Amino acid sequence: MCTSCTESKKVFSVQITTAETVSNNMDLYKEIACRLFREKVISHINVGNNRTYVENSQNIFAFDLHLTNVHDIGKVTLENIESALDGVLLSFKGYEELKVTLS
């Protein structure tokens, strides 16, 4: 968890198994943000540290989510994030599996 004078942020790592190499996807980032805001999990999001690699012969697209809820930081939990993002990959062709972990 990062702490500044006015807010606390939790950092989560996202790993997505993809059929092809992906290095960036603004539509996916927008959909993730929409779901997290809609479920009132967060009040602020920052996406960073995009990376791609191959693991066990699978393409992995990964990035970090820096999440804040200035109203209730207790809502920024792995369980709430996983719940809000359930099914998020269904509309993205070639995106197969999503894993989120607390960094």
PDB file of N, CA and C in Angstrom:
ATOM      1  N   MET A   1       0.846  -1.163   0.000  1.00  0.00           N
ATOM      2  CA  MET A   1       0.000   0.000   0.000  1.00  0.00           C
ATOM      3  C   MET A   1       0.900   1.238   0.000  1.00  0.00           C
ATOM      4  N   CYS A   2       0.551   2.207  -0.836  1.00  0.00           N
ATOM      5  CA  CYS A   2       1.248   3.496  -0.873  1.00  0.00           C
ATOM      6  C   CYS A   2       0.456   4.488  -0.034  1.00  0.00           C
ATOM      7  N   THR A   3       1.138   5.374   0.656  1.00  0.00           N
ATOM      8  CA  THR A   3       0.442   6.379   1.448  1.00  0.00           C
ATOM      9  C   THR A   3       1.031   7.748   1.141  1.00  0.00           C
ATOM     10  N   SER A   4       0.161   8.718   0.905  1.00  0.00           N
ATOM     11  CA  SER A   4       0.595  10.104   0.737  1.00  0.00           C
ATOM     12  C   SER A   4      -0.130  10.935   1.787  1.00  0.00           C
ATOM     13  N   CYS A   5       0.034  12.207   1.703  1.00  0.00           N
ATOM     14  CA  CYS A   5      -0.584  13.100   2.696  1.00  0.00           C
ATOM     15  C   CYS A   5      -2.102  13.022   2.686  1.00  0.00           C
ATOM     16  N   THR A   6      -2.686  12.843   1.516  1.00  0.00           N
ATOM     17  CA  THR A   6      -4.137  12.966   1.417  1.00  0.00           C
ATOM     18  C   THR A   6      -4.856  11.668   1.062  1.00  0.00           C
ATOM     19  N   GLU A   7      -4.143  10.634   0.660  1.00  0.00           N
ATOM     20  CA  GLU A   7      -4.852   9.418   0.262  1.00  0.00           C
ATOM     21  C   GLU A   7      -3.968   8.195   0.400  1.00  0.00           C
ATOM     22  N   SER A   8      -4.615   7.053   0.472  1.00  0.00           N
ATOM     23  CA  SER A   8      -3.926   5.770   0.479  1.00  0.00           C
ATOM     24  C   SER A   8      -4.290   5.045  -0.799  1.00  0.00           C
ATOM     25  N   LYS A   9      -3.303   4.389  -1.383  1.00  0.00           N
ATOM     26  CA  LYS A   9      -3.530   3.622  -2.604  1.00  0.00           C
ATOM     27  C   LYS A   9      -3.127   2.183  -2.361  1.00  0.00           C
ATOM     28  N   LYS A  10      -3.874   1.292  -2.945  1.00  0.00           N
ATOM     29  CA  LYS A  10      -3.499  -0.114  -2.944  1.00  0.00           C
ATOM     30  C   LYS A  10      -3.111  -0.470  -4.375  1.00  0.00           C
ATOM     31  N   VAL A  11      -2.064  -1.249  -4.494  1.00  0.00           N
ATOM     32  CA  VAL A  11      -1.565  -1.624  -5.808  1.00  0.00           C
ATOM     33  C   VAL A  11      -1.871  -3.104  -6.043  1.00  0.00           C
ATOM     34  N   PHE A  12      -2.513  -3.363  -7.171  1.00  0.00           N
ATOM     35  CA  PHE A  12      -2.860  -4.723  -7.561  1.00  0.00           C
ATOM     36  C   PHE A  12      -2.211  -5.033  -8.900  1.00  0.00           C
ATOM     37  N   SER A  13      -1.699  -6.247  -9.035  1.00  0.00           N
ATOM     38  CA  SER A  13      -1.137  -6.695 -10.306  1.00  0.00           C
ATOM     39  C   SER A  13      -2.189  -7.505 -11.041  1.00  0.00           C
ATOM     40  N   VAL A  14      -2.327  -7.220 -12.329  1.00  0.00           N
ATOM     41  CA  VAL A  14      -3.280  -7.919 -13.181  1.00  0.00           C
ATOM     42  C   VAL A  14      -2.490  -8.684 -14.223  1.00  0.00           C
ATOM     43  N   GLN A  15      -2.818  -9.953 -14.396  1.00  0.00           N
ATOM     44  CA  GLN A  15      -2.219 -10.784 -15.434  1.00  0.00           C
ATOM     45  C   GLN A  15      -3.341 -11.383 -16.268  1.00  0.00           C
ATOM     46  N   ILE A  16      -3.217 -11.223 -17.585  1.00  0.00           N
ATOM     47  CA  ILE A  16      -4.228 -11.751 -18.491  1.00  0.00           C
ATOM     48  C   ILE A  16      -3.540 -12.653 -19.510  1.00  0.00           C
ATOM     49  N   THR A  17      -4.026 -13.866 -19.624  1.00  0.00           N
ATOM     50  CA  THR A  17      -3.542 -14.784 -20.649  1.00  0.00           C
ATOM     51  C   THR A  17      -4.227 -14.407 -21.957  1.00  0.00           C
ATOM     52  N   THR A  18      -3.425 -14.219 -23.016  1.00  0.00           N
ATOM     53  CA  THR A  18      -3.975 -13.795 -24.306  1.00  0.00           C
ATOM     54  C   THR A  18      -3.534 -14.735 -25.413  1.00  0.00           C
ATOM     55  N   ALA A  19      -4.339 -14.799 -26.463  1.00  0.00           N
ATOM     56  CA  ALA A  19      -4.008 -15.635 -27.615  1.00  0.00           C
ATOM     57  C   ALA A  19      -2.831 -15.057 -28.395  1.00  0.00           C
ATOM     58  N   GLU A  20      -2.749 -13.737 -28.464  1.00  0.00           N
ATOM     59  CA  GLU A  20      -1.665 -13.054 -29.166  1.00  0.00           C
ATOM     60  C   GLU A  20      -1.020 -12.053 -28.223  1.00  0.00           C
ATOM     61  N   THR A  21       0.161 -11.580 -28.583  1.00  0.00           N
ATOM     62  CA  THR A  21       0.859 -10.596 -27.767  1.00  0.00           C
ATOM     63  C   THR A  21       0.090  -9.282 -27.735  1.00  0.00           C
ATOM     64  N   VAL A  22      -0.113  -8.744 -26.544  1.00  0.00           N
ATOM     65  CA  VAL A  22      -0.809  -7.471 -26.335  1.00  0.00           C
ATOM     66  C   VAL A  22       0.079  -6.615 -25.449  1.00  0.00           C
ATOM     67  N   SER A  23       0.265  -5.353 -25.809  1.00  0.00           N
ATOM     68  CA  SER A  23       1.077  -4.487 -24.959  1.00  0.00           C
ATOM     69  C   SER A  23       0.274  -3.337 -24.344  1.00  0.00           C
ATOM     70  N   ASN A  24      -0.936  -3.111 -24.869  1.00  0.00           N
ATOM     71  CA  ASN A  24      -1.746  -1.990 -24.392  1.00  0.00           C
ATOM     72  C   ASN A  24      -3.163  -2.181 -24.918  1.00  0.00           C
ATOM     73  N   ASN A  25      -4.168  -1.836 -24.116  1.00  0.00           N
ATOM     74  CA  ASN A  25      -5.546  -1.920 -24.575  1.00  0.00           C
ATOM     75  C   ASN A  25      -6.396  -0.913 -23.800  1.00  0.00           C
ATOM     76  N   MET A  26      -6.556   0.264 -24.374  1.00  0.00           N
ATOM     77  CA  MET A  26      -7.312   1.329 -23.704  1.00  0.00           C
ATOM     78  C   MET A  26      -8.770   0.945 -23.471  1.00  0.00           C
ATOM     79  N   ASP A  27      -9.371   0.189 -24.392  1.00  0.00           N
ATOM     80  CA  ASP A  27     -10.761  -0.227 -24.197  1.00  0.00           C
ATOM     81  C   ASP A  27     -10.897  -1.130 -22.968  1.00  0.00           C
ATOM     82  N   LEU A  28      -9.932  -2.009 -22.768  1.00  0.00           N
ATOM     83  CA  LEU A  28      -9.952  -2.860 -21.583  1.00  0.00           C
ATOM     84  C   LEU A  28      -9.784  -2.027 -20.320  1.00  0.00           C
ATOM     85  N   TYR A  29      -8.839  -1.088 -20.320  1.00  0.00           N
ATOM     86  CA  TYR A  29      -8.639  -0.224 -19.157  1.00  0.00           C
ATOM     87  C   TYR A  29      -9.918   0.543 -18.826  1.00  0.00           C
ATOM     88  N   LYS A  30     -10.590   1.056 -19.858  1.00  0.00           N
ATOM     89  CA  LYS A  30     -11.838   1.803 -19.644  1.00  0.00           C
ATOM     90  C   LYS A  30     -12.908   0.910 -19.030  1.00  0.00           C
ATOM     91  N   GLU A  31     -13.021  -0.316 -19.537  1.00  0.00           N
ATOM     92  CA  GLU A  31     -14.030  -1.238 -19.014  1.00  0.00           C
ATOM     93  C   GLU A  31     -13.737  -1.605 -17.564  1.00  0.00           C
ATOM     94  N   ILE A  32     -12.475  -1.832 -17.240  1.00  0.00           N
ATOM     95  CA  ILE A  32     -12.092  -2.122 -15.859  1.00  0.00           C
ATOM     96  C   ILE A  32     -12.451  -0.939 -14.961  1.00  0.00           C
ATOM     97  N   ALA A  33     -12.089   0.265 -15.370  1.00  0.00           N
ATOM     98  CA  ALA A  33     -12.403   1.456 -14.579  1.00  0.00           C
ATOM     99  C   ALA A  33     -13.908   1.613 -14.397  1.00  0.00           C
ATOM    100  N   CYS A  34     -14.671   1.453 -15.472  1.00  0.00           N
ATOM    101  CA  CYS A  34     -16.139   1.581 -15.386  1.00  0.00           C
ATOM    102  C   CYS A  34     -16.720   0.621 -14.360  1.00  0.00           C
ATOM    103  N   ARG A  35     -16.286  -0.618 -14.398  1.00  0.00           N
ATOM    104  CA  ARG A  35     -16.819  -1.615 -13.468  1.00  0.00           C
ATOM    105  C   ARG A  35     -16.444  -1.286 -12.021  1.00  0.00           C
ATOM    106  N   LEU A  36     -15.202  -0.870 -11.792  1.00  0.00           N
ATOM    107  CA  LEU A  36     -14.773  -0.556 -10.429  1.00  0.00           C
ATOM    108  C   LEU A  36     -15.478   0.685  -9.890  1.00  0.00           C
ATOM    109  N   PHE A  37     -15.696   1.691 -10.748  1.00  0.00           N
ATOM    110  CA  PHE A  37     -16.442   2.886 -10.317  1.00  0.00           C
ATOM    111  C   PHE A  37     -17.911   2.552 -10.097  1.00  0.00           C
ATOM    112  N   ARG A  38     -18.506   1.797 -11.018  1.00  0.00           N
ATOM    113  CA  ARG A  38     -19.923   1.453 -10.926  1.00  0.00           C
ATOM    114  C   ARG A  38     -20.228   0.688  -9.635  1.00  0.00           C
ATOM    115  N   GLU A  39     -19.314  -0.205  -9.247  1.00  0.00           N
ATOM    116  CA  GLU A  39     -19.509  -0.990  -8.029  1.00  0.00           C
ATOM    117  C   GLU A  39     -19.072  -0.232  -6.770  1.00  0.00           C
ATOM    118  N   LYS A  40     -18.633   1.023  -6.957  1.00  0.00           N
ATOM    119  CA  LYS A  40     -18.208   1.902  -5.859  1.00  0.00           C
ATOM    120  C   LYS A  40     -17.036   1.320  -5.055  1.00  0.00           C
ATOM    121  N   VAL A  41     -16.189   0.552  -5.762  1.00  0.00           N
ATOM    122  CA  VAL A  41     -14.993   0.002  -5.139  1.00  0.00           C
ATOM    123  C   VAL A  41     -13.928   1.091  -5.026  1.00  0.00           C
ATOM    124  N   ILE A  42     -13.873   1.985  -6.011  1.00  0.00           N
ATOM    125  CA  ILE A  42     -12.804   2.987  -6.071  1.00  0.00           C
ATOM    126  C   ILE A  42     -13.352   4.376  -6.331  1.00  0.00           C
ATOM    127  N   SER A  43     -12.502   5.376  -6.043  1.00  0.00           N
ATOM    128  CA  SER A  43     -12.795   6.751  -6.435  1.00  0.00           C
ATOM    129  C   SER A  43     -11.710   7.275  -7.374  1.00  0.00           C
ATOM    130  N   HIS A  44     -10.603   6.528  -7.500  1.00  0.00           N
ATOM    131  CA  HIS A  44      -9.497   6.933  -8.375  1.00  0.00           C
ATOM    132  C   HIS A  44      -8.746   5.694  -8.842  1.00  0.00           C
ATOM    133  N   ILE A  45      -8.274   5.738 -10.105  1.00  0.00           N
ATOM    134  CA  ILE A  45      -7.519   4.615 -10.674  1.00  0.00           C
ATOM    135  C   ILE A  45      -6.345   5.151 -11.474  1.00  0.00           C
ATOM    136  N   ASN A  46      -5.242   4.440 -11.403  1.00  0.00           N
ATOM    137  CA  ASN A  46      -4.083   4.721 -12.238  1.00  0.00           C
ATOM    138  C   ASN A  46      -3.549   3.378 -12.729  1.00  0.00           C
ATOM    139  N   VAL A  47      -3.350   3.275 -14.029  1.00  0.00           N
ATOM    140  CA  VAL A  47      -2.842   2.050 -14.637  1.00  0.00           C
ATOM    141  C   VAL A  47      -1.398   2.297 -15.042  1.00  0.00           C
ATOM    142  N   GLY A  48      -0.522   1.354 -14.728  1.00  0.00           N
ATOM    143  CA  GLY A  48       0.876   1.531 -15.094  1.00  0.00           C
ATOM    144  C   GLY A  48       1.625   0.216 -15.153  1.00  0.00           C
ATOM    145  N   ASN A  49       2.900   0.328 -15.470  1.00  0.00           N
ATOM    146  CA  ASN A  49       3.813  -0.807 -15.513  1.00  0.00           C
ATOM    147  C   ASN A  49       3.332  -1.900 -16.472  1.00  0.00           C
ATOM    148  N   ASN A  50       2.862  -1.496 -17.656  1.00  0.00           N
ATOM    149  CA  ASN A  50       2.437  -2.474 -18.663  1.00  0.00           C
ATOM    150  C   ASN A  50       3.614  -3.347 -19.054  1.00  0.00           C
ATOM    151  N   ARG A  51       3.353  -4.621 -19.214  1.00  0.00           N
ATOM    152  CA  ARG A  51       4.397  -5.536 -19.641  1.00  0.00           C
ATOM    153  C   ARG A  51       3.781  -6.743 -20.333  1.00  0.00           C
ATOM    154  N   THR A  52       4.561  -7.359 -21.191  1.00  0.00           N
ATOM    155  CA  THR A  52       4.149  -8.584 -21.857  1.00  0.00           C
ATOM    156  C   THR A  52       5.281  -9.582 -21.744  1.00  0.00           C
ATOM    157  N   TYR A  53       4.914 -10.829 -21.615  1.00  0.00           N
ATOM    158  CA  TYR A  53       5.919 -11.882 -21.542  1.00  0.00           C
ATOM    159  C   TYR A  53       5.254 -13.216 -21.858  1.00  0.00           C
ATOM    160  N   VAL A  54       6.079 -14.233 -22.013  1.00  0.00           N
ATOM    161  CA  VAL A  54       5.591 -15.582 -22.270  1.00  0.00           C
ATOM    162  C   VAL A  54       5.916 -16.428 -21.045  1.00  0.00           C
ATOM    163  N   GLU A  55       4.913 -17.140 -20.565  1.00  0.00           N
ATOM    164  CA  GLU A  55       5.081 -18.014 -19.408  1.00  0.00           C
ATOM    165  C   GLU A  55       4.383 -19.325 -19.704  1.00  0.00           C
ATOM    166  N   ASN A  56       5.109 -20.422 -19.610  1.00  0.00           N
ATOM    167  CA  ASN A  56       4.550 -21.748 -19.917  1.00  0.00           C
ATOM    168  C   ASN A  56       3.890 -21.770 -21.291  1.00  0.00           C
ATOM    169  N   SER A  57       4.559 -21.195 -22.271  1.00  0.00           N
ATOM    170  CA  SER A  57       4.098 -21.140 -23.669  1.00  0.00           C
ATOM    171  C   SER A  57       2.809 -20.337 -23.850  1.00  0.00           C
ATOM    172  N   GLN A  58       2.475 -19.474 -22.888  1.00  0.00           N
ATOM    173  CA  GLN A  58       1.282 -18.638 -22.990  1.00  0.00           C
ATOM    174  C   GLN A  58       1.692 -17.170 -22.971  1.00  0.00           C
ATOM    175  N   ASN A  59       1.017 -16.369 -23.816  1.00  0.00           N
ATOM    176  CA  ASN A  59       1.240 -14.917 -23.809  1.00  0.00           C
ATOM    177  C   ASN A  59       0.555 -14.317 -22.592  1.00  0.00           C
ATOM    178  N   ILE A  60       1.285 -13.488 -21.878  1.00  0.00           N
ATOM    179  CA  ILE A  60       0.741 -12.811 -20.707  1.00  0.00           C
ATOM    180  C   ILE A  60       0.833 -11.306 -20.931  1.00  0.00           C
ATOM    181  N   PHE A  61      -0.296 -10.632 -20.748  1.00  0.00           N
ATOM    182  CA  PHE A  61      -0.382  -9.171 -20.761  1.00  0.00           C
ATOM    183  C   PHE A  61      -0.617  -8.774 -19.315  1.00  0.00           C
ATOM    184  N   ALA A  62       0.285  -7.982 -18.755  1.00  0.00           N
ATOM    185  CA  ALA A  62       0.191  -7.642 -17.337  1.00  0.00           C
ATOM    186  C   ALA A  62       0.333  -6.141 -17.132  1.00  0.00           C
ATOM    187  N   PHE A  63      -0.254  -5.661 -16.048  1.00  0.00           N
ATOM    188  CA  PHE A  63      -0.160  -4.246 -15.673  1.00  0.00           C
ATOM    189  C   PHE A  63      -0.551  -4.117 -14.211  1.00  0.00           C
ATOM    190  N   ASP A  64      -0.252  -2.961 -13.641  1.00  0.00           N
ATOM    191  CA  ASP A  64      -0.597  -2.685 -12.246  1.00  0.00           C
ATOM    192  C   ASP A  64      -1.739  -1.680 -12.185  1.00  0.00           C
ATOM    193  N   LEU A  65      -2.610  -1.890 -11.215  1.00  0.00           N
ATOM    194  CA  LEU A  65      -3.695  -0.953 -10.920  1.00  0.00           C
ATOM    195  C   LEU A  65      -3.396  -0.311  -9.572  1.00  0.00           C
ATOM    196  N   HIS A  66      -3.278   1.008  -9.551  1.00  0.00           N
ATOM    197  CA  HIS A  66      -3.125   1.772  -8.312  1.00  0.00           C
ATOM    198  C   HIS A  66      -4.517   2.319  -8.007  1.00  0.00           C
ATOM    199  N   LEU A  67      -5.128   1.804  -6.949  1.00  0.00           N
ATOM    200  CA  LEU A  67      -6.538   2.097  -6.667  1.00  0.00           C
ATOM    201  C   LEU A  67      -6.709   2.824  -5.341  1.00  0.00           C
ATOM    202  N   THR A  68      -7.627   3.769  -5.341  1.00  0.00           N
ATOM    203  CA  THR A  68      -7.933   4.562  -4.157  1.00  0.00           C
ATOM    204  C   THR A  68      -9.448   4.691  -4.021  1.00  0.00           C
ATOM    205  N   ASN A  69      -9.900   4.730  -2.785  1.00  0.00           N
ATOM    206  CA  ASN A  69     -11.265   5.131  -2.491  1.00  0.00           C
ATOM    207  C   ASN A  69     -11.172   6.104  -1.321  1.00  0.00           C
ATOM    208  N   VAL A  70     -11.265   7.393  -1.646  1.00  0.00           N
ATOM    209  CA  VAL A  70     -11.101   8.421  -0.612  1.00  0.00           C
ATOM    210  C   VAL A  70     -12.247   8.423   0.393  1.00  0.00           C
ATOM    211  N   HIS A  71     -13.360   7.799   0.048  1.00  0.00           N
ATOM    212  CA  HIS A  71     -14.516   7.736   0.938  1.00  0.00           C
ATOM    213  C   HIS A  71     -14.417   6.558   1.899  1.00  0.00           C
ATOM    214  N   ASP A  72     -13.840   5.425   1.404  1.00  0.00           N
ATOM    215  CA  ASP A  72     -13.733   4.222   2.241  1.00  0.00           C
ATOM    216  C   ASP A  72     -12.682   3.296   1.646  1.00  0.00           C
ATOM    217  N   ILE A  73     -11.427   3.417   2.077  1.00  0.00           N
ATOM    218  CA  ILE A  73     -10.347   2.596   1.546  1.00  0.00           C
ATOM    219  C   ILE A  73     -10.599   1.110   1.816  1.00  0.00           C
ATOM    220  N   GLY A  74     -11.438   0.820   2.794  1.00  0.00           N
ATOM    221  CA  GLY A  74     -11.784  -0.564   3.112  1.00  0.00           C
ATOM    222  C   GLY A  74     -12.518  -1.288   1.992  1.00  0.00           C
ATOM    223  N   LYS A  75     -13.074  -0.545   1.048  1.00  0.00           N
ATOM    224  CA  LYS A  75     -13.767  -1.162  -0.083  1.00  0.00           C
ATOM    225  C   LYS A  75     -12.803  -1.657  -1.160  1.00  0.00           C
ATOM    226  N   VAL A  76     -11.548  -1.197  -1.096  1.00  0.00           N
ATOM    227  CA  VAL A  76     -10.553  -1.592  -2.096  1.00  0.00           C
ATOM    228  C   VAL A  76      -9.904  -2.892  -1.627  1.00  0.00           C
ATOM    229  N   THR A  77     -10.630  -3.995  -1.849  1.00  0.00           N
ATOM    230  CA  THR A  77     -10.147  -5.313  -1.455  1.00  0.00           C
ATOM    231  C   THR A  77     -10.046  -6.208  -2.682  1.00  0.00           C
ATOM    232  N   LEU A  78      -9.237  -7.235  -2.573  1.00  0.00           N
ATOM    233  CA  LEU A  78      -9.103  -8.194  -3.664  1.00  0.00           C
ATOM    234  C   LEU A  78     -10.448  -8.827  -3.994  1.00  0.00           C
ATOM    235  N   GLU A  79     -11.204  -9.164  -2.985  1.00  0.00           N
ATOM    236  CA  GLU A  79     -12.521  -9.780  -3.186  1.00  0.00           C
ATOM    237  C   GLU A  79     -13.458  -8.844  -3.964  1.00  0.00           C
ATOM    238  N   ASN A  80     -13.516  -7.569  -3.589  1.00  0.00           N
ATOM    239  CA  ASN A  80     -14.387  -6.612  -4.285  1.00  0.00           C
ATOM    240  C   ASN A  80     -13.931  -6.377  -5.720  1.00  0.00           C
ATOM    241  N   ILE A  81     -12.620  -6.343  -5.932  1.00  0.00           N
ATOM    242  CA  ILE A  81     -12.097  -6.136  -7.286  1.00  0.00           C
ATOM    243  C   ILE A  81     -12.424  -7.339  -8.157  1.00  0.00           C
ATOM    244  N   GLU A  82     -12.179  -8.535  -7.644  1.00  0.00           N
ATOM    245  CA  GLU A  82     -12.486  -9.740  -8.419  1.00  0.00           C
ATOM    246  C   GLU A  82     -13.974  -9.816  -8.746  1.00  0.00           C
ATOM    247  N   SER A  83     -14.814  -9.458  -7.806  1.00  0.00           N
ATOM    248  CA  SER A  83     -16.260  -9.465  -8.032  1.00  0.00           C
ATOM    249  C   SER A  83     -16.654  -8.467  -9.119  1.00  0.00           C
ATOM    250  N   ALA A  84     -16.121  -7.242  -9.038  1.00  0.00           N
ATOM    251  CA  ALA A  84     -16.449  -6.209 -10.025  1.00  0.00           C
ATOM    252  C   ALA A  84     -15.951  -6.576 -11.421  1.00  0.00           C
ATOM    253  N   LEU A  85     -14.839  -7.287 -11.498  1.00  0.00           N
ATOM    254  CA  LEU A  85     -14.243  -7.610 -12.794  1.00  0.00           C
ATOM    255  C   LEU A  85     -14.674  -8.972 -13.334  1.00  0.00           C
ATOM    256  N   ASP A  86     -15.542  -9.659 -12.620  1.00  0.00           N
ATOM    257  CA  ASP A  86     -16.025 -10.959 -13.084  1.00  0.00           C
ATOM    258  C   ASP A  86     -16.665 -10.829 -14.466  1.00  0.00           C
ATOM    259  N   GLY A  87     -16.171 -11.565 -15.426  1.00  0.00           N
ATOM    260  CA  GLY A  87     -16.716 -11.550 -16.778  1.00  0.00           C
ATOM    261  C   GLY A  87     -16.217 -10.424 -17.663  1.00  0.00           C
ATOM    262  N   VAL A  88     -15.285  -9.618 -17.192  1.00  0.00           N
ATOM    263  CA  VAL A  88     -14.822  -8.446 -17.956  1.00  0.00           C
ATOM    264  C   VAL A  88     -14.177  -8.842 -19.282  1.00  0.00           C
ATOM    265  N   LEU A  89     -13.607 -10.031 -19.368  1.00  0.00           N
ATOM    266  CA  LEU A  89     -12.914 -10.428 -20.600  1.00  0.00           C
ATOM    267  C   LEU A  89     -13.831 -10.981 -21.683  1.00  0.00           C
ATOM    268  N   LEU A  90     -15.091 -11.196 -21.364  1.00  0.00           N
ATOM    269  CA  LEU A  90     -16.009 -11.820 -22.321  1.00  0.00           C
ATOM    270  C   LEU A  90     -16.134 -11.051 -23.631  1.00  0.00           C
ATOM    271  N   SER A  91     -16.018  -9.749 -23.589  1.00  0.00           N
ATOM    272  CA  SER A  91     -16.168  -8.954 -24.817  1.00  0.00           C
ATOM    273  C   SER A  91     -14.830  -8.662 -25.499  1.00  0.00           C
ATOM    274  N   PHE A  92     -13.761  -9.287 -25.031  1.00  0.00           N
ATOM    275  CA  PHE A  92     -12.444  -9.073 -25.628  1.00  0.00           C
ATOM    276  C   PHE A  92     -11.938 -10.385 -26.231  1.00  0.00           C
ATOM    277  N   LYS A  93     -11.982 -10.450 -27.538  1.00  0.00           N
ATOM    278  CA  LYS A  93     -11.582 -11.653 -28.261  1.00  0.00           C
ATOM    279  C   LYS A  93     -10.099 -11.948 -28.033  1.00  0.00           C
ATOM    280  N   GLY A  94      -9.805 -13.202 -27.722  1.00  0.00           N
ATOM    281  CA  GLY A  94      -8.428 -13.623 -27.529  1.00  0.00           C
ATOM    282  C   GLY A  94      -7.891 -13.403 -26.124  1.00  0.00           C
ATOM    283  N   TYR A  95      -8.739 -12.869 -25.229  1.00  0.00           N
ATOM    284  CA  TYR A  95      -8.339 -12.672 -23.833  1.00  0.00           C
ATOM    285  C   TYR A  95      -8.973 -13.832 -23.049  1.00  0.00           C
ATOM    286  N   GLU A  96      -8.127 -14.653 -22.433  1.00  0.00           N
ATOM    287  CA  GLU A  96      -8.614 -15.928 -21.942  1.00  0.00           C
ATOM    288  C   GLU A  96      -8.789 -16.027 -20.424  1.00  0.00           C
ATOM    289  N   GLU A  97      -7.840 -15.543 -19.661  1.00  0.00           N
ATOM    290  CA  GLU A  97      -7.907 -15.713 -18.208  1.00  0.00           C
ATOM    291  C   GLU A  97      -7.362 -14.461 -17.517  1.00  0.00           C
ATOM    292  N   LEU A  98      -8.044 -14.048 -16.456  1.00  0.00           N
ATOM    293  CA  LEU A  98      -7.668 -12.865 -15.685  1.00  0.00           C
ATOM    294  C   LEU A  98      -7.296 -13.293 -14.267  1.00  0.00           C
ATOM    295  N   LYS A  99      -6.131 -12.845 -13.807  1.00  0.00           N
ATOM    296  CA  LYS A  99      -5.711 -13.060 -12.423  1.00  0.00           C
ATOM    297  C   LYS A  99      -5.347 -11.714 -11.821  1.00  0.00           C
ATOM    298  N   VAL A 100      -5.854 -11.447 -10.620  1.00  0.00           N
ATOM    299  CA  VAL A 100      -5.543 -10.212  -9.907  1.00  0.00           C
ATOM    300  C   VAL A 100      -4.919 -10.601  -8.573  1.00  0.00           C
ATOM    301  N   THR A 101      -3.814  -9.934  -8.226  1.00  0.00           N
ATOM    302  CA  THR A 101      -3.165 -10.178  -6.951  1.00  0.00           C
ATOM    303  C   THR A 101      -2.815  -8.843  -6.303  1.00  0.00           C
ATOM    304  N   LEU A 102      -2.786  -8.827  -4.982  1.00  0.00           N
ATOM    305  CA  LEU A 102      -2.365  -7.645  -4.250  1.00  0.00           C
ATOM    306  C   LEU A 102      -0.853  -7.583  -4.299  1.00  0.00           C
ATOM    307  N   SER A 103      -0.314  -6.440  -4.708  1.00  0.00           N
ATOM    308  CA  SER A 103       1.151  -6.289  -4.798  1.00  0.00           C
ATOM    309  C   SER A 103       1.738  -5.925  -3.460  1.00  0.00           C
TER     310      SER A 103
END
